[in-house]
Amino acid sequence: MQDFFFNKVVLITGAAGTVGQELIRQLLRLNPAEIRALDNNETELFFLGERYRGTHGFFVHLGDVRDAQKLEDVCTGVHLIFHAAAFKHVGLSEYHPFDVVQTNILGVENVIKAARRQGVERVIFTSSDKAVHPTNVMGTTKLIGERLITAANINHTVLGHRLSSVRFGNIIGSRGSVIPIFEEQIRQGGPVTITDANMTRFFMTSKDAVKLVLEACVLACGGEVFVTKMPVMRIVDLAQAMVDLLAPAYGFPPQKIPLQFVGIRSGERLHEELLTVQEMDRTLETERLFVVLPSLRGLAGKTNYSYKGRIEQPSLRHQYISAQEVPLNIKEIKHFLLANHILGDFVDLEKEVHRQKRRHLHLVNDTQAGLA
């Protein structure tokens, strides 16, 4: 991987988002020649530029993937594109479908055209588990994005130029995810609102997600969808684990924080899928990935879909759906949150509370010993 990215010019769209920022952090360790960070969020892009002020080869570009000319300009001389820009919130997408189409579908088309005209070697599109049997606008646009990338790869006639997708689960702790929402509800003393007691989700950290994006970029033969393996959690168990960890930090006994079930919102579904039954017939497996080969791969010429670390006998014989995987229990979820520093300063706050309590107890004991 170090050799692959060395001295490359890389463009990241959606660079100010959770995945984009983690991509920048990990790529800088691999010594690319240049990283171009594109985003339409002026404030976050400004802070991103300040964070890496003076970093050799790092440049921020204010722009939108809807702007085809801007994309073409910023793609000049680029070797690799990581396309992470998207509208991702299911609820908002249901109410603003035309805007989502502009970014999540036409934006992908603009990236493909710019990459083709500028001779970009590889394009990696970040998709979502919601693209599998989509039940909402966001998932539908992500599915079309995957299909656009695969079709573009078939029609991309330049030898060695490849376009592929990576399909994520939920990035735990990302902005707008349940982690900051649950944390704020716990801070206020509850209730912690949960849509359904049986709801399950695939989760992964931004660090692991980006590591697998980089791995997929190296492995890509063209047109595939790389599906990352990840743990499953019941949302009610995640909520309880967070209550147990955070409530003491805010002065509440965990048992005093109620959980409230509010029902599934528009566009949501009870369980998430990462692979369909139809895709299993053309899926290969490596240690950390499932690789869905293009259904029209015969049109792509004599592509040799071969991957380092391939498992000859795939372990998964059914659709990859969160309801059929063994979920982490509450203890395992706590370990996952703490080991990956998902709760950040909040857990540090809890440690400080316990430290102060221990200090107070020692003072009381010393005082009582002196009186005796």
Protein backbone atom coordinates (compact mmCIF):
# COMPACT_ATOMS: atom_id res chain seq x y z
CA MET A 1 0.00 0.00 0.00
CA GLN A 2 2.88 2.36 0.82
CA ASP A 3 4.37 1.82 -2.63
CA PHE A 4 1.00 2.14 -4.38
CA PHE A 5 0.15 5.60 -3.02
CA PHE A 6 3.69 6.99 -2.99
CA ASN A 7 4.01 10.12 -5.15
CA LYS A 8 0.38 9.94 -6.38
CA VAL A 9 -1.88 12.99 -6.80
CA VAL A 10 -5.14 12.23 -4.96
CA LEU A 11 -8.50 14.03 -5.07
CA ILE A 12 -10.99 13.52 -2.22
CA THR A 13 -14.53 14.79 -2.69
CA GLY A 14 -16.54 15.37 0.47
CA ALA A 15 -13.18 15.89 2.17
CA ALA A 16 -14.60 17.79 5.16
CA GLY A 17 -16.88 14.90 6.15
CA THR A 18 -16.11 12.10 8.58
CA VAL A 19 -14.78 9.69 5.95
CA GLY A 20 -13.02 12.43 4.00
CA GLN A 21 -11.09 13.69 7.02
CA GLU A 22 -10.02 10.18 8.00
CA LEU A 23 -8.92 9.55 4.40
CA ILE A 24 -6.70 12.61 4.57
CA ARG A 25 -5.21 11.50 7.89
CA GLN A 26 -4.34 8.02 6.66
CA LEU A 27 -3.20 9.08 3.19
CA LEU A 28 -0.70 11.57 4.58
CA ARG A 29 1.15 8.63 6.14
CA LEU A 30 1.53 7.06 2.70
CA ASN A 31 3.45 10.00 1.18
CA PRO A 32 1.38 10.95 -1.86
CA ALA A 33 2.72 13.77 -3.98
CA GLU A 34 -0.43 15.84 -3.43
CA ILE A 35 -3.84 15.67 -1.77
CA ARG A 36 -6.63 17.88 -3.10
CA ALA A 37 -9.55 18.23 -0.69
CA LEU A 38 -12.83 19.28 -2.33
CA ASP A 39 -15.97 20.21 -0.37
CA ASN A 40 -18.87 22.67 -0.53
CA ASN A 41 -18.91 23.22 3.26
CA GLU A 42 -16.97 26.47 3.49
CA THR A 43 -16.58 26.54 7.27
CA GLU A 44 -15.44 22.93 7.66
CA LEU A 45 -13.12 23.27 4.67
CA PHE A 46 -11.57 26.36 6.26
CA PHE A 47 -10.88 24.47 9.49
CA LEU A 48 -9.49 21.57 7.49
CA GLY A 49 -7.10 23.90 5.72
CA GLU A 50 -6.02 25.43 9.02
CA ARG A 51 -5.40 21.99 10.54
CA TYR A 52 -3.01 21.07 7.74
CA ARG A 53 -1.56 24.51 7.15
CA GLY A 54 2.04 24.07 6.06
CA THR A 55 1.59 20.39 5.17
CA HIS A 56 3.48 19.78 1.95
CA GLY A 57 1.23 18.95 -0.99
CA PHE A 58 -2.10 19.54 0.76
CA PHE A 59 -4.60 21.89 -0.88
CA VAL A 60 -8.26 22.68 -0.19
CA HIS A 61 -10.73 23.46 -2.99
CA LEU A 62 -14.13 25.01 -2.34
CA GLY A 63 -16.58 23.54 -4.81
CA ASP A 64 -19.47 21.19 -5.43
CA VAL A 65 -19.64 17.88 -7.31
CA ARG A 66 -22.70 19.31 -9.09
CA ASP A 67 -20.32 21.72 -10.83
CA ALA A 68 -18.90 19.72 -13.76
CA GLN A 69 -16.42 22.37 -14.84
CA LYS A 70 -15.03 22.77 -11.31
CA LEU A 71 -14.53 19.02 -11.07
CA GLU A 72 -12.73 18.88 -14.39
CA ASP A 73 -10.43 21.72 -13.37
CA VAL A 74 -9.53 20.15 -10.03
CA CYS A 75 -8.96 16.72 -11.68
CA THR A 76 -6.12 17.98 -13.87
CA GLY A 77 -3.08 15.79 -13.17
CA VAL A 78 -4.92 13.59 -10.65
CA HIS A 79 -4.09 9.87 -10.44
CA LEU A 80 -6.71 8.71 -7.90
CA ILE A 81 -10.18 9.93 -6.88
CA PHE A 82 -11.98 8.96 -3.68
CA HIS A 83 -15.57 10.09 -4.17
CA ALA A 84 -17.10 10.51 -0.70
CA ALA A 85 -19.31 13.57 -1.32
CA ALA A 86 -23.00 12.76 -0.83
CA PHE A 87 -26.24 13.60 0.91
CA LYS A 88 -26.54 10.76 3.43
CA HIS A 89 -29.40 11.50 5.85
CA VAL A 90 -32.35 9.24 5.12
CA GLY A 91 -35.06 11.48 6.59
CA LEU A 92 -33.94 14.70 4.88
CA SER A 93 -33.52 12.85 1.60
CA GLU A 94 -37.15 11.74 1.70
CA TYR A 95 -38.28 15.37 1.84
CA HIS A 96 -35.71 16.73 -0.65
CA PRO A 97 -35.33 14.01 -3.31
CA PHE A 98 -34.50 16.35 -6.21
CA ASP A 99 -31.53 17.81 -4.33
CA VAL A 100 -30.32 14.32 -3.43
CA VAL A 101 -30.48 13.25 -7.08
CA GLN A 102 -28.43 16.30 -8.08
CA THR A 103 -25.61 15.37 -5.69
CA ASN A 104 -25.76 11.59 -5.35
CA ILE A 105 -26.46 10.71 -9.00
CA LEU A 106 -25.51 13.63 -11.24
CA GLY A 107 -22.53 14.31 -9.00
CA VAL A 108 -21.28 10.77 -9.63
CA GLU A 109 -21.77 11.28 -13.36
CA ASN A 110 -19.71 14.48 -13.20
CA VAL A 111 -16.91 12.67 -11.38
CA ILE A 112 -16.91 9.89 -13.98
CA LYS A 113 -16.76 12.34 -16.90
CA ALA A 114 -14.02 14.44 -15.31
CA ALA A 115 -11.99 11.31 -14.53
CA ARG A 116 -12.32 10.07 -18.10
CA ARG A 117 -11.35 13.38 -19.69
CA GLN A 118 -8.38 13.88 -17.38
CA GLY A 119 -7.08 10.32 -17.55
CA VAL A 120 -7.53 9.51 -13.85
CA GLU A 121 -6.18 6.03 -13.11
CA ARG A 122 -8.64 4.92 -10.42
CA VAL A 123 -11.94 6.12 -8.99
CA ILE A 124 -13.35 4.66 -5.76
CA PHE A 125 -16.99 5.50 -4.98
CA THR A 126 -18.17 5.20 -1.36
CA SER A 127 -21.61 3.59 -1.25
CA SER A 128 -23.88 2.40 1.57
CA ASP A 129 -25.69 -0.68 2.85
CA LYS A 130 -28.86 1.28 2.09
CA ALA A 131 -28.14 0.69 -1.61
CA VAL A 132 -29.15 -2.97 -1.14
CA HIS A 133 -32.87 -3.46 -1.83
CA PRO A 134 -33.34 0.29 -1.22
CA THR A 135 -36.45 1.47 0.58
CA ASN A 136 -35.63 5.18 0.57
CA VAL A 137 -34.37 7.94 -1.69
CA MET A 138 -30.85 7.98 -0.28
CA GLY A 139 -30.39 4.23 -0.78
CA THR A 140 -31.83 4.36 -4.27
CA THR A 141 -29.41 7.10 -5.33
CA LYS A 142 -26.48 5.14 -3.87
CA LEU A 143 -27.53 2.05 -5.82
CA ILE A 144 -27.65 4.07 -9.04
CA GLY A 145 -24.25 5.50 -8.16
CA GLU A 146 -22.82 1.98 -7.89
CA ARG A 147 -24.34 1.03 -11.25
CA LEU A 148 -22.97 4.20 -12.89
CA ILE A 149 -19.46 3.38 -11.65
CA THR A 150 -19.66 -0.23 -12.87
CA ALA A 151 -21.05 0.77 -16.26
CA ALA A 152 -18.43 3.50 -16.64
CA ASN A 153 -15.69 0.97 -15.94
CA ILE A 154 -17.01 -1.27 -18.75
CA ASN A 155 -17.00 1.69 -21.13
CA HIS A 156 -13.67 3.05 -19.87
CA THR A 157 -11.39 1.84 -22.64
CA VAL A 158 -8.05 3.21 -21.36
CA LEU A 159 -5.90 0.27 -20.26
CA GLY A 160 -5.25 0.20 -16.51
CA HIS A 161 -7.89 2.78 -15.60
CA ARG A 162 -10.38 1.35 -13.10
CA LEU A 163 -13.58 2.48 -11.38
CA SER A 164 -14.99 0.56 -8.40
CA SER A 165 -17.23 1.01 -5.35
CA VAL A 166 -17.01 0.29 -1.64
CA ARG A 167 -20.22 -0.42 0.27
CA PHE A 168 -20.23 0.74 3.92
CA GLY A 169 -22.41 0.06 6.92
CA ASN A 170 -23.02 2.82 9.47
CA ILE A 171 -19.91 4.80 10.41
CA ILE A 172 -20.22 4.81 14.19
CA GLY A 173 -19.75 8.21 15.78
CA SER A 174 -20.00 10.15 12.52
CA ARG A 175 -21.85 13.45 12.50
CA GLY A 176 -25.61 12.95 12.50
CA SER A 177 -25.31 9.33 13.65
CA VAL A 178 -26.98 7.90 16.76
CA ILE A 179 -23.88 8.31 18.94
CA PRO A 180 -23.98 12.13 19.30
CA ILE A 181 -27.79 12.03 19.45
CA PHE A 182 -27.82 9.47 22.27
CA GLU A 183 -25.03 11.34 24.09
CA GLU A 184 -27.02 14.58 24.11
CA GLN A 185 -30.14 12.79 25.32
CA ILE A 186 -28.18 11.15 28.14
CA ARG A 187 -26.63 14.49 29.09
CA GLN A 188 -30.14 15.91 29.54
CA GLY A 189 -31.23 12.98 31.68
CA GLY A 190 -33.17 11.15 28.97
CA PRO A 191 -35.22 9.73 27.58
CA VAL A 192 -33.04 8.02 24.98
CA THR A 193 -35.27 7.59 21.94
CA ILE A 194 -35.11 4.35 19.94
CA THR A 195 -37.20 3.59 16.89
CA ASP A 196 -37.75 -0.13 17.48
CA ALA A 197 -36.58 -2.67 20.06
CA ASN A 198 -35.62 -5.16 17.32
CA MET A 199 -33.75 -2.76 15.01
CA THR A 200 -30.24 -3.91 14.03
CA ARG A 201 -27.44 -2.20 12.12
CA PHE A 202 -23.98 -2.92 10.73
CA PHE A 203 -21.38 -0.66 12.33
CA MET A 204 -17.76 0.19 11.60
CA THR A 205 -15.32 2.88 12.71
CA SER A 206 -14.22 5.61 10.32
CA LYS A 207 -10.65 4.37 10.75
CA ASP A 208 -11.53 0.83 9.63
CA ALA A 209 -13.78 2.13 6.83
CA VAL A 210 -10.97 4.20 5.33
CA LYS A 211 -8.41 1.42 5.76
CA LEU A 212 -10.66 -0.78 3.66
CA VAL A 213 -11.25 1.98 1.08
CA LEU A 214 -7.50 2.24 0.59
CA GLU A 215 -7.21 -1.54 0.39
CA ALA A 216 -10.01 -1.66 -2.19
CA CYS A 217 -8.22 0.98 -4.27
CA VAL A 218 -5.12 -1.21 -4.39
CA LEU A 219 -7.07 -4.41 -5.11
CA ALA A 220 -9.54 -2.98 -7.66
CA CYS A 221 -9.70 -4.74 -11.00
CA GLY A 222 -12.58 -2.55 -12.16
CA GLY A 223 -16.36 -2.47 -11.79
CA GLU A 224 -16.57 -4.41 -8.52
CA VAL A 225 -18.36 -3.48 -5.33
CA PHE A 226 -16.22 -4.14 -2.27
CA VAL A 227 -18.34 -4.96 0.79
CA THR A 228 -16.66 -4.58 4.14
CA LYS A 229 -17.13 -7.13 6.91
CA MET A 230 -18.27 -5.57 10.16
CA PRO A 231 -20.03 -6.24 13.46
CA VAL A 232 -23.79 -5.98 14.04
CA MET A 233 -25.46 -4.22 16.98
CA ARG A 234 -29.02 -4.02 18.20
CA ILE A 235 -29.77 -0.31 18.56
CA VAL A 236 -31.42 -0.86 21.95
CA ASP A 237 -28.22 -2.56 23.20
CA LEU A 238 -26.08 0.29 21.86
CA ALA A 239 -28.31 2.77 23.71
CA GLN A 240 -28.05 0.81 26.97
CA ALA A 241 -24.26 0.50 26.65
CA MET A 242 -23.98 4.26 26.20
CA VAL A 243 -26.26 4.91 29.17
CA ASP A 244 -24.11 2.64 31.35
CA LEU A 245 -20.92 4.41 30.24
CA LEU A 246 -22.06 8.05 30.15
CA ALA A 247 -24.83 8.53 32.69
CA PRO A 248 -22.44 8.64 35.73
CA ALA A 249 -20.40 11.33 33.99
CA TYR A 250 -23.45 13.58 33.95
CA GLY A 251 -24.52 12.79 37.51
CA PHE A 252 -27.28 10.26 36.72
CA PRO A 253 -27.56 6.66 37.89
CA PRO A 254 -27.84 4.56 34.69
CA GLN A 255 -31.12 3.03 35.85
CA LYS A 256 -32.66 6.52 35.99
CA ILE A 257 -32.18 7.15 32.25
CA PRO A 258 -35.29 5.77 30.48
CA LEU A 259 -35.34 4.28 26.99
CA GLN A 260 -38.30 5.39 24.88
CA PHE A 261 -39.49 3.63 21.71
CA VAL A 262 -40.83 6.08 19.13
CA GLY A 263 -41.44 3.97 16.01
CA ILE A 264 -39.66 3.68 12.65
CA ARG A 265 -39.33 6.94 10.74
CA SER A 266 -40.06 7.55 7.07
CA GLY A 267 -37.65 5.65 4.82
CA GLU A 268 -36.11 3.61 7.64
CA ARG A 269 -36.13 -0.16 7.80
CA LEU A 270 -35.76 -2.61 10.65
CA HIS A 271 -32.62 -4.37 9.44
CA GLU A 272 -29.85 -3.53 6.97
CA GLU A 273 -28.40 -5.62 4.13
CA LEU A 274 -24.93 -5.60 2.61
CA LEU A 275 -25.30 -8.42 0.06
CA THR A 276 -28.33 -9.76 -1.77
CA VAL A 277 -29.06 -13.37 -2.66
CA GLN A 278 -28.56 -12.51 -6.33
CA GLU A 279 -25.12 -11.02 -5.64
CA MET A 280 -23.90 -14.11 -3.77
CA ASP A 281 -23.56 -16.04 -7.05
CA ARG A 282 -20.90 -13.60 -8.23
CA THR A 283 -19.24 -12.77 -4.89
CA LEU A 284 -15.65 -13.59 -3.95
CA GLU A 285 -14.24 -13.32 -0.44
CA THR A 286 -10.99 -12.17 1.15
CA GLU A 287 -10.09 -12.00 4.82
CA ARG A 288 -11.75 -8.62 5.35
CA LEU A 289 -13.91 -8.09 2.26
CA PHE A 290 -16.59 -9.55 0.07
CA VAL A 291 -16.13 -8.61 -3.59
CA VAL A 292 -19.23 -8.42 -5.80
CA LEU A 293 -18.17 -8.84 -9.42
CA PRO A 294 -20.03 -6.94 -12.18
CA SER A 295 -23.09 -8.76 -13.50
CA LEU A 296 -22.08 -7.64 -17.01
CA ARG A 297 -18.41 -8.47 -16.54
CA GLY A 298 -18.34 -10.36 -19.86
CA LEU A 299 -18.55 -6.99 -21.59
CA ALA A 300 -15.47 -5.76 -19.72
CA GLY A 301 -13.07 -7.85 -21.79
CA LYS A 302 -10.64 -10.33 -20.28
CA THR A 303 -10.40 -8.79 -16.82
CA ASN A 304 -8.77 -11.20 -14.38
CA TYR A 305 -10.64 -10.72 -11.11
CA SER A 306 -7.94 -11.97 -8.75
CA TYR A 307 -7.35 -10.74 -5.20
CA LYS A 308 -4.60 -11.25 -2.68
CA GLY A 309 -5.81 -13.25 0.31
CA ARG A 310 -8.83 -14.69 -1.48
CA ILE A 311 -10.72 -17.40 0.41
CA GLU A 312 -11.49 -20.23 -2.02
CA GLN A 313 -14.56 -21.45 -0.13
CA PRO A 314 -16.65 -18.38 0.82
CA SER A 315 -17.90 -18.50 4.40
CA LEU A 316 -21.14 -16.70 3.57
CA ARG A 317 -23.83 -18.74 1.82
CA HIS A 318 -26.77 -16.41 2.39
CA GLN A 319 -27.54 -12.74 1.94
CA TYR A 320 -25.48 -10.54 4.26
CA ILE A 321 -28.22 -9.02 6.44
CA SER A 322 -27.93 -7.65 9.97
CA ALA A 323 -30.90 -9.73 11.20
CA GLN A 324 -29.04 -12.97 10.36
CA GLU A 325 -25.71 -12.09 11.99
CA VAL A 326 -24.95 -12.62 15.68
CA PRO A 327 -25.03 -9.14 17.27
CA LEU A 328 -22.56 -7.89 19.85
CA ASN A 329 -23.89 -8.06 23.40
CA ILE A 330 -23.88 -5.02 25.69
CA LYS A 331 -20.51 -5.90 27.23
CA GLU A 332 -18.96 -6.33 23.78
CA ILE A 333 -20.47 -3.04 22.60
CA LYS A 334 -18.93 -1.22 25.58
CA HIS A 335 -15.55 -2.71 24.74
CA PHE A 336 -15.99 -1.70 21.07
CA LEU A 337 -16.84 1.90 22.03
CA LEU A 338 -13.97 2.22 24.49
CA ALA A 339 -11.33 0.41 22.42
CA ASN A 340 -12.05 2.62 19.41
CA HIS A 341 -12.37 5.86 21.43
CA ILE A 342 -15.83 6.46 19.97
CA LEU A 343 -17.06 8.39 23.00
CA GLY A 344 -13.91 10.51 23.24
CA ASP A 345 -14.03 13.19 25.92
CA PHE A 346 -17.25 11.83 27.39
CA VAL A 347 -15.54 8.74 28.77
CA ASP A 348 -12.65 10.90 29.96
CA LEU A 349 -15.24 12.93 31.85
CA GLU A 350 -16.58 9.75 33.46
CA LYS A 351 -13.07 8.79 34.54
CA GLU A 352 -12.61 12.22 36.08
CA VAL A 353 -15.89 11.87 38.02
CA HIS A 354 -14.75 8.52 39.42
CA ARG A 355 -11.34 9.98 40.26
CA GLN A 356 -12.95 12.82 42.20
CA LYS A 357 -15.21 10.35 44.03
CA ARG A 358 -12.22 8.22 45.02
CA ARG A 359 -10.35 11.32 46.18
CA HIS A 360 -13.34 12.41 48.26
CA LEU A 361 -13.60 8.93 49.79
CA HIS A 362 -9.92 8.97 50.72
CA LEU A 363 -10.35 12.40 52.37
CA VAL A 364 -13.32 11.13 54.38
CA ASN A 365 -11.43 8.05 55.47
CA ASP A 366 -8.36 10.12 56.46
CA THR A 367 -10.54 12.52 58.45
CA GLN A 368 -12.28 9.67 60.28
CA ALA A 369 -8.94 8.04 61.04
CA GLY A 370 -7.64 11.33 62.47
CA LEU A 371 -10.71 11.73 64.69
CA ALA A 372 -10.32 8.18 65.97
